Amino acid sequence: MAKHFTSEEWIDFVNQVTPAAQMQVMQQHISEGCKRCGKTLMLWQRVRKSANAEPGFEPPAGSLRAVNAAFSVHSIHTKEAPIKLLFDSLLQPLVAGARSAVQGTRQMLYKADPYQIDLHIESVPTSNRVKVTGQVLDVSSPEMIGRDMNITISNRRGNVVRTATNEFGEFHGEIENSGDLEITLPAPSGRPITLSLRDALGGTAGVH
């Protein structure tokens, strides 16, 4: 099995601090069609693009307050490993007039050792439903993918969808849109990982 690269290695690649020889190997890996690493690379390219654009404008004061409130709960330390929100597209400032282009979608990246969890949430046109797409990667073992994991998606109003990750660690499901969302997956420690989003397509995110 071909070696996969970690998120940290792809972050260095995007920031162009990877040694030239290693960068060539990683580029060849992508050229050979690795879907897992390709998705990780695309994610960090989007994060870098957002970071580069940020100095060009100042977000409204209300958005700043929302960001401060959200980041105050990004890491909750318990006896288990903490859950951290690494990226949230909803918290990225947008150029005036651009919000309508992404309204009804949200991209998030969590770290809950040993996993990295990439989430994409979007409203389903002409219905009161949301589509949840995700990918679970084991960052402690780059050659391991979170496959065959049971995932529970809930709208916290009694509607529950159960699904599982495929060979690439990906999962998806649709559920009635209550405004809130909860996603639960197993963890090696035995205590489930739960990502709880209040107002999933328009508010701040919390973790439990």
Protein backbone atom coordinates (compact mmCIF):
# COMPACT_ATOMS: atom_id res chain seq x y z
CA MET A 1 0.00 0.00 0.00
CA ALA A 2 1.36 3.41 -0.95
CA LYS A 3 2.35 5.67 1.95
CA HIS A 4 -0.15 8.40 2.79
CA PHE A 5 1.04 11.73 4.14
CA THR A 6 -0.20 13.38 7.34
CA SER A 7 -2.13 16.65 7.57
CA GLU A 8 0.96 18.29 9.08
CA GLU A 9 3.01 17.28 6.03
CA TRP A 10 0.36 18.68 3.67
CA ILE A 11 0.22 21.93 5.66
CA ASP A 12 3.99 22.32 5.14
CA PHE A 13 3.50 21.46 1.47
CA VAL A 14 0.85 24.17 1.03
CA ASN A 15 3.02 26.68 2.94
CA GLN A 16 5.96 25.74 0.68
CA VAL A 17 8.30 24.88 3.55
CA THR A 18 8.68 21.22 2.55
CA PRO A 19 12.19 20.29 1.28
CA ALA A 20 12.29 20.21 -2.52
CA ALA A 21 12.92 16.45 -2.73
CA GLN A 22 10.02 15.67 -0.38
CA MET A 23 7.75 18.09 -2.23
CA GLN A 24 8.47 16.26 -5.47
CA VAL A 25 7.60 12.91 -3.87
CA MET A 26 4.33 14.32 -2.50
CA GLN A 27 3.40 15.90 -5.83
CA GLN A 28 4.04 12.57 -7.54
CA HIS A 29 1.81 10.88 -4.95
CA ILE A 30 -1.03 13.24 -5.87
CA SER A 31 -0.37 12.76 -9.59
CA GLU A 32 -0.76 9.01 -9.12
CA GLY A 33 -4.35 9.64 -8.01
CA CYS A 34 -4.44 9.19 -4.22
CA LYS A 35 -7.97 10.40 -3.36
CA ARG A 36 -7.36 10.56 0.38
CA CYS A 37 -4.30 12.78 0.17
CA GLY A 38 -5.87 14.77 -2.66
CA LYS A 39 -8.81 15.72 -0.44
CA THR A 40 -6.52 16.64 2.44
CA LEU A 41 -4.41 18.81 0.14
CA MET A 42 -7.49 20.58 -1.26
CA LEU A 43 -8.77 21.28 2.26
CA TRP A 44 -5.55 22.96 3.37
CA GLN A 45 -5.30 24.87 0.10
CA ARG A 46 -8.74 26.34 0.88
CA VAL A 47 -7.66 27.19 4.43
CA ARG A 48 -4.52 28.90 3.10
CA LYS A 49 -6.56 30.85 0.54
CA SER A 50 -8.93 32.07 3.25
CA ALA A 51 -6.01 33.07 5.48
CA ASN A 52 -4.35 35.02 2.65
CA ALA A 53 -7.57 36.91 1.92
CA GLU A 54 -8.29 37.81 5.55
CA PRO A 55 -6.05 40.92 5.84
CA GLY A 56 -7.86 42.53 2.89
CA PHE A 57 -11.03 43.31 4.82
CA GLU A 58 -12.33 43.70 8.34
CA PRO A 59 -15.29 41.64 9.55
CA PRO A 60 -18.28 43.36 11.19
CA ALA A 61 -18.15 43.79 14.97
CA GLY A 62 -21.04 41.34 15.36
CA SER A 63 -19.11 38.65 13.50
CA LEU A 64 -16.08 39.26 15.70
CA ARG A 65 -18.16 38.69 18.81
CA ALA A 66 -19.50 35.45 17.32
CA VAL A 67 -15.96 34.29 16.52
CA ASN A 68 -14.72 35.07 20.02
CA ALA A 69 -17.65 33.20 21.55
CA ALA A 70 -17.11 30.22 19.24
CA PHE A 71 -13.39 29.92 19.84
CA SER A 72 -13.87 30.06 23.59
CA VAL A 73 -15.37 26.55 23.41
CA HIS A 74 -13.20 25.01 20.71
CA SER A 75 -11.23 22.86 23.14
CA ILE A 76 -12.83 21.02 26.03
CA HIS A 77 -10.42 19.07 28.20
CA THR A 78 -11.79 15.96 29.87
CA LYS A 79 -10.25 12.68 30.99
CA GLU A 80 -10.34 11.80 27.31
CA ALA A 81 -8.52 13.61 24.51
CA PRO A 82 -9.93 17.08 23.76
CA ILE A 83 -12.00 17.84 20.70
CA LYS A 84 -10.71 20.85 18.76
CA LEU A 85 -12.28 22.82 15.94
CA LEU A 86 -9.44 23.61 13.52
CA PHE A 87 -11.43 25.31 10.76
CA ASP A 88 -14.95 26.63 10.23
CA SER A 89 -15.91 28.31 6.96
CA LEU A 90 -18.71 30.14 8.75
CA LEU A 91 -16.13 32.05 10.77
CA GLN A 92 -14.16 33.18 7.73
CA PRO A 93 -14.80 36.83 6.74
CA LEU A 94 -16.21 37.27 3.25
CA VAL A 95 -15.97 40.03 0.70
CA ALA A 96 -19.13 42.16 0.53
CA GLY A 97 -21.73 40.50 -1.68
CA ALA A 98 -20.07 37.08 -1.58
CA ARG A 99 -22.11 35.53 1.23
CA SER A 100 -25.01 34.59 -1.03
CA ALA A 101 -22.71 32.35 -3.05
CA VAL A 102 -22.06 30.09 -0.05
CA GLN A 103 -25.30 30.49 1.86
CA GLY A 104 -26.62 27.15 3.03
CA THR A 105 -23.22 25.44 3.20
CA ARG A 106 -20.61 25.00 5.89
CA GLN A 107 -17.17 23.35 5.94
CA MET A 108 -15.60 22.29 9.24
CA LEU A 109 -12.46 20.46 10.34
CA TYR A 110 -12.15 18.87 13.78
CA LYS A 111 -9.36 17.06 15.56
CA ALA A 112 -10.34 14.44 18.14
CA ASP A 113 -7.32 12.23 18.80
CA PRO A 114 -6.46 10.11 16.98
CA TYR A 115 -8.88 11.32 14.31
CA GLN A 116 -9.19 14.26 11.98
CA ILE A 117 -12.82 14.76 10.97
CA ASP A 118 -13.71 16.80 7.89
CA LEU A 119 -17.37 17.85 7.67
CA HIS A 120 -19.39 19.47 4.91
CA ILE A 121 -22.98 20.52 5.65
CA GLU A 122 -25.38 21.88 3.05
CA SER A 123 -29.08 22.48 2.69
CA VAL A 124 -30.97 20.28 0.23
CA PRO A 125 -32.77 22.45 -2.37
CA THR A 126 -36.59 22.49 -2.31
CA SER A 127 -36.72 20.59 0.99
CA ASN A 128 -36.32 21.14 4.70
CA ARG A 129 -33.36 18.76 4.91
CA VAL A 130 -29.61 19.01 5.25
CA LYS A 131 -26.96 16.82 3.67
CA VAL A 132 -23.97 15.87 5.83
CA THR A 133 -20.79 14.60 4.17
CA GLY A 134 -17.66 13.75 6.12
CA GLN A 135 -14.34 11.96 6.16
CA VAL A 136 -12.56 10.40 9.14
CA LEU A 137 -8.77 10.02 9.03
CA ASP A 138 -6.50 8.49 11.68
CA VAL A 139 -3.68 11.05 11.88
CA SER A 140 -1.66 8.89 14.29
CA SER A 141 -1.29 6.23 11.59
CA PRO A 142 -1.25 7.81 8.10
CA GLU A 143 -1.67 4.40 6.48
CA MET A 144 -4.91 3.84 8.39
CA ILE A 145 -8.28 5.17 7.27
CA GLY A 146 -11.37 5.34 9.46
CA ARG A 147 -13.25 2.74 7.43
CA ASP A 148 -16.29 0.72 8.56
CA MET A 149 -17.00 3.12 11.43
CA ASN A 150 -20.61 3.46 12.57
CA ILE A 151 -21.73 7.09 12.38
CA THR A 152 -24.91 8.49 13.95
CA ILE A 153 -26.38 11.76 12.67
CA SER A 154 -29.13 13.39 14.73
CA ASN A 155 -31.07 16.64 14.44
CA ARG A 156 -31.55 16.63 18.24
CA ARG A 157 -35.32 16.52 17.74
CA GLY A 158 -35.74 12.75 17.59
CA ASN A 159 -34.67 12.19 13.97
CA VAL A 160 -31.66 9.88 13.67
CA VAL A 161 -29.76 8.60 10.64
CA ARG A 162 -27.21 5.79 10.96
CA THR A 163 -24.52 5.29 8.36
CA ALA A 164 -20.92 4.01 8.12
CA THR A 165 -17.65 5.10 6.59
CA ASN A 166 -16.51 3.57 3.31
CA GLU A 167 -13.04 2.42 2.26
CA PHE A 168 -11.86 6.04 2.13
CA GLY A 169 -13.21 6.92 5.57
CA GLU A 170 -16.07 8.89 3.99
CA PHE A 171 -19.70 8.98 5.11
CA HIS A 172 -22.85 10.85 4.16
CA GLY A 173 -26.48 11.17 5.13
CA GLU A 174 -29.52 13.42 4.90
CA ILE A 175 -31.72 14.44 7.80
CA GLU A 176 -34.62 16.77 8.57
CA ASN A 177 -33.30 20.25 9.29
CA SER A 178 -34.14 21.26 12.86
CA GLY A 179 -31.42 23.91 12.85
CA ASP A 180 -29.25 21.82 15.18
CA LEU A 181 -27.08 18.82 14.38
CA GLU A 182 -25.21 16.14 16.32
CA ILE A 183 -22.73 13.64 14.90
CA THR A 184 -21.42 10.73 16.96
CA LEU A 185 -18.65 8.26 16.11
CA PRO A 186 -16.72 5.65 18.10
CA ALA A 187 -13.31 6.35 19.61
CA PRO A 188 -10.50 3.93 20.55
CA SER A 189 -10.93 4.95 24.21
CA GLY A 190 -14.47 3.55 24.18
CA ARG A 191 -16.10 6.91 24.89
CA PRO A 192 -17.91 8.15 21.74
CA ILE A 193 -16.83 11.37 20.04
CA THR A 194 -19.78 13.75 19.72
CA LEU A 195 -19.77 16.89 17.60
CA SER A 196 -22.72 19.09 18.53
CA LEU A 197 -23.63 22.07 16.35
CA ARG A 198 -26.33 24.52 17.33
CA ASP A 199 -27.79 26.32 14.32
CA ALA A 200 -25.63 24.16 12.06
CA LEU A 201 -25.90 26.36 8.98
CA GLY A 202 -25.91 29.76 10.60
CA GLY A 203 -24.55 29.86 14.14
CA THR A 204 -21.54 28.89 16.18
CA ALA A 205 -20.29 25.37 16.88
CA GLY A 206 -19.76 23.63 20.16
CA VAL A 207 -18.24 20.31 21.15
CA HIS A 208 -19.17 17.87 23.92
